[in-house]
Protein backbone atom coordinates (compact mmCIF):
# COMPACT_ATOMS: atom_id res chain seq x y z
CA MET A 1 155.48 76.99 89.37
CA HIS A 2 152.41 78.71 90.75
CA LEU A 3 149.84 81.45 90.26
CA LEU A 4 150.61 84.88 91.60
CA ALA A 5 147.24 86.36 90.67
CA VAL A 6 143.88 85.57 89.09
CA SER A 7 142.30 88.57 87.36
CA VAL A 8 138.91 89.18 85.80
CA GLY A 9 136.99 92.08 84.33
CA GLN A 10 133.94 93.10 82.35
CA PRO A 11 134.05 95.03 79.07
CA GLN A 12 133.99 98.78 79.36
CA VAL A 13 133.79 101.64 76.90
CA VAL A 14 136.70 104.08 76.84
CA THR A 15 137.69 106.93 74.56
CA TRP A 16 140.75 106.27 72.46
CA ARG A 17 142.06 108.87 70.03
CA GLY A 18 138.64 110.49 69.79
CA THR A 19 136.71 107.26 69.30
CA SER A 20 134.68 105.15 71.74
CA VAL A 21 136.15 101.67 72.07
CA GLU A 22 134.71 98.70 73.97
CA THR A 23 137.36 96.49 75.49
CA GLY A 24 137.69 93.74 78.06
CA ILE A 25 141.42 94.28 78.61
CA PHE A 26 140.95 96.04 81.94
CA LYS A 27 141.20 93.29 84.55
CA ALA A 28 141.97 93.30 88.25
CA PRO A 29 143.12 90.59 90.66
CA VAL A 30 140.56 88.93 92.92
CA ALA A 31 141.28 87.34 96.29
CA GLU A 32 138.73 84.52 96.24
CA PRO A 33 138.87 81.36 94.09
CA VAL A 34 137.42 81.78 90.59
CA MET A 35 135.78 79.04 88.54
CA VAL A 36 137.38 78.41 85.16
CA ARG A 37 134.74 77.58 82.55
CA THR A 38 135.02 76.28 78.99
CA LEU A 39 134.88 79.78 77.47
CA ASN A 40 136.13 82.07 80.25
CA LEU A 41 136.39 82.60 84.00
CA ASP A 42 133.43 83.50 86.18
CA GLY A 43 133.22 87.28 86.35
CA ASP A 44 135.24 87.74 83.17
CA ARG A 45 134.12 88.49 79.64
CA GLN A 46 135.71 89.46 76.32
CA ALA A 47 134.36 92.36 74.29
CA ASP A 48 135.17 91.61 70.64
CA LEU A 49 134.52 87.91 70.11
CA THR A 50 135.72 88.07 66.50
CA VAL A 51 139.33 88.17 67.72
CA HIS A 52 139.13 87.37 71.43
CA GLY A 53 137.63 84.52 73.41
CA GLY A 54 136.42 81.18 72.14
CA ALA A 55 137.46 77.73 73.27
CA ALA A 56 141.09 78.10 72.17
CA LYS A 57 141.43 81.48 73.91
CA ALA A 58 139.35 80.83 77.01
CA VAL A 59 142.13 81.79 79.42
CA TYR A 60 145.10 84.11 78.96
CA ALA A 61 148.27 83.63 80.99
CA TYR A 62 151.15 86.08 81.33
CA PRO A 63 154.49 85.39 83.07
CA SER A 64 155.12 87.60 86.07
CA GLU A 65 158.81 87.61 85.17
CA HIS A 66 158.06 89.94 82.23
CA TYR A 67 156.83 92.72 84.47
CA ALA A 68 160.38 93.74 85.45
CA TYR A 69 161.15 94.36 81.78
CA TRP A 70 158.08 96.54 81.26
CA ARG A 71 158.62 98.52 84.46
CA SER A 72 162.17 99.25 83.33
CA ALA A 73 161.25 100.02 79.71
CA LEU A 74 158.28 102.23 80.55
CA PRO A 75 158.88 103.59 84.08
CA GLU A 76 156.23 106.27 83.64
CA LEU A 77 153.48 103.63 83.53
CA SER A 78 152.00 101.57 86.34
CA PHE A 79 152.11 97.80 85.95
CA GLY A 80 150.09 95.76 88.43
CA TRP A 81 149.14 92.11 87.99
CA GLY A 82 146.55 91.82 85.24
CA SER A 83 147.83 94.87 83.36
CA PHE A 84 148.14 92.98 80.08
CA GLY A 85 144.61 91.66 80.31
CA GLU A 86 145.77 88.29 81.56
CA ASN A 87 143.56 86.08 83.67
CA LEU A 88 146.48 84.18 85.18
CA THR A 89 149.73 85.81 86.24
CA THR A 90 152.20 82.95 86.52
CA ALA A 91 155.55 82.34 88.19
CA GLY A 92 158.03 79.83 86.78
CA LEU A 93 156.60 79.60 83.26
CA ASP A 94 157.50 81.52 80.14
CA GLU A 95 157.27 81.22 76.39
CA ASP A 96 160.59 79.35 76.17
CA LEU A 97 159.51 76.73 78.69
CA VAL A 98 155.95 75.98 77.57
CA TYR A 99 155.06 73.86 74.53
CA ILE A 100 151.98 74.23 72.38
CA GLY A 101 149.76 71.31 73.45
CA ASP A 102 151.12 71.08 76.99
CA GLN A 103 148.50 70.10 79.53
CA LEU A 104 148.67 72.04 82.78
CA ARG A 105 146.92 71.48 86.07
CA VAL A 106 146.24 74.86 87.64
CA GLY A 107 144.42 74.65 90.95
CA GLN A 108 141.63 72.19 90.20
CA ALA A 109 141.37 73.08 86.51
CA GLU A 110 143.17 71.39 83.63
CA LEU A 111 144.23 73.61 80.75
CA VAL A 112 145.93 73.13 77.36
CA VAL A 113 148.39 75.61 75.86
CA THR A 114 147.16 76.60 72.39
CA GLN A 115 149.00 79.67 71.04
CA PRO A 116 150.88 82.87 71.80
CA ARG A 117 149.02 86.14 72.03
CA LEU A 118 149.24 88.46 69.06
CA PRO A 119 148.86 92.08 70.15
CA CYS A 120 145.96 94.21 68.99
CA VAL A 121 145.05 97.87 69.27
CA LYS A 122 143.49 97.25 72.69
CA LEU A 123 147.00 97.16 74.20
CA GLY A 124 147.48 100.71 72.99
CA VAL A 125 144.14 101.63 74.55
CA ARG A 126 145.06 100.00 77.85
CA PHE A 127 148.33 101.88 78.23
CA GLY A 128 147.48 105.04 76.32
CA ARG A 129 150.33 104.42 73.88
CA PRO A 130 149.79 103.70 70.16
CA ASP A 131 153.29 102.17 70.02
CA MET A 132 152.44 99.49 72.57
CA VAL A 133 151.38 96.95 69.93
CA ARG A 134 154.77 97.24 68.22
CA ARG A 135 156.64 97.16 71.52
CA PHE A 136 154.75 94.12 72.75
CA LEU A 137 155.47 92.00 69.69
CA ALA A 138 159.08 93.17 69.43
CA SER A 139 159.66 92.15 73.06
CA ARG A 140 158.50 88.59 72.29
CA ARG A 141 156.96 88.62 75.76
CA THR A 142 153.57 87.50 74.47
CA GLY A 143 152.15 85.23 77.15
CA PHE A 144 149.96 82.39 75.92
CA TYR A 145 146.36 81.30 75.59
CA LEU A 146 144.85 78.18 77.08
CA ALA A 147 141.88 75.98 76.31
CA VAL A 148 139.96 74.41 79.18
CA GLN A 149 140.15 70.63 79.33
CA ARG A 150 138.56 70.33 82.75
CA GLU A 151 136.68 73.10 84.54
CA GLY A 152 137.60 73.92 88.11
CA PRO A 153 138.39 76.71 90.57
CA VAL A 154 141.72 78.53 90.61
CA ALA A 155 143.16 81.02 93.08
CA ALA A 156 146.32 83.01 93.70
CA GLY A 157 148.94 80.75 95.23
CA ASP A 158 147.73 77.60 93.48
CA PRO A 159 150.45 75.32 92.10
CA ILE A 160 150.88 74.82 88.35
CA THR A 161 151.89 71.35 87.23
CA VAL A 162 152.71 70.11 83.73
CA ILE A 163 150.73 66.85 83.54
CA ALA A 164 151.48 66.04 79.89
CA ARG A 165 153.95 67.41 77.35
CA ASP A 166 153.38 67.55 73.61
CA ALA A 167 155.86 65.34 71.79
CA HIS A 168 156.50 67.86 69.00
CA ALA A 169 158.27 70.17 71.48
CA VAL A 170 157.12 73.38 69.80
CA ARG A 171 157.63 76.20 72.25
CA VAL A 172 155.23 79.12 72.40
CA ALA A 173 158.27 81.26 71.58
CA ASP A 174 158.86 79.24 68.39
CA VAL A 175 155.44 80.18 67.00
CA THR A 176 156.00 83.88 67.64
CA ARG A 177 159.53 83.73 66.23
CA VAL A 178 158.53 82.07 62.96
CA TYR A 179 155.38 84.15 62.54
CA ALA A 180 156.91 87.57 63.12
CA PHE A 181 160.69 87.35 62.83
CA GLU A 182 161.87 84.30 60.86
CA PRO A 183 159.11 83.56 58.32
CA GLU A 184 161.38 81.35 56.21
CA ASP A 185 162.07 78.72 58.89
CA GLN A 186 160.30 75.88 57.10
CA ASP A 187 161.47 73.11 59.43
CA THR A 188 159.89 74.77 62.45
CA MET A 189 156.73 75.55 60.49
CA ARG A 190 156.30 71.87 59.68
CA ARG A 191 156.69 70.99 63.34
CA ILE A 192 154.20 73.68 64.32
CA ILE A 193 151.41 72.55 61.99
CA ALA A 194 151.81 68.96 63.22
CA VAL A 195 150.76 69.89 66.77
CA PRO A 196 147.14 68.71 67.29
CA ALA A 197 146.33 71.48 69.80
CA LEU A 198 147.27 74.27 67.38
CA PRO A 199 144.18 76.26 66.34
CA GLU A 200 143.21 75.97 62.68
CA GLY A 201 143.84 79.64 61.97
CA TRP A 202 147.52 79.22 62.79
CA ARG A 203 147.72 75.96 60.85
CA THR A 204 146.19 77.62 57.79
CA HIS A 205 148.63 80.53 58.02
CA PHE A 206 151.74 78.38 58.24
CA THR A 207 150.52 75.93 55.61
CA ALA A 208 150.02 78.81 53.21
CA GLN A 209 153.44 80.21 54.10
CA LEU A 210 155.07 76.86 53.36
CA ALA A 211 153.28 76.69 50.02
CA ALA A 212 154.42 80.21 49.14
CA LEU A 213 158.03 79.40 50.02
CA ALA A 214 157.89 76.21 47.97
CA GLY A 215 156.70 78.17 44.96
CA ALA A 216 159.22 80.98 45.34
């Protein structure tokens, strides 16, 4: 497992369907090592902090293996590393292999897997397609967010090592599946909300869903 690319970018204003939109989704790979900080990478910034950024979403990783799918599904578009707004383009990791709460050593940084990415309108802006939000979620190729446990530099080519695994064995893919496709899977929901690294917003959602199912 290793990094294929490290990408950063600053927010920019673009026109989308007749409206000016500020977004930080446009990122590009950099050749030199980049310092990973508690809230982001040096040279990188999120635009809308109400839904992006924060300690639990400091770093976004996207598996390089998904790019073949997108290039086949949408051959008219160009997909270079960083196209999905990810900071880290990985090789050897995907949503079925990574658990919420896993601790990863990436270069000299230590990161904790916190949640899958839920798509927002900015994906449509990035690719010029209003259907991209729907496509992204339907594909289940979400990538995942990471919190920073120890700051440090990362660079393309760095190894990725799992240094600790969460005992609840909740895959990133499990969270997406139960949230969007199988909202009555109570057993998995209970496992999800027991993971300490899960952000409170997700815990609140699934706790409420369990309560609603119990009262149905």
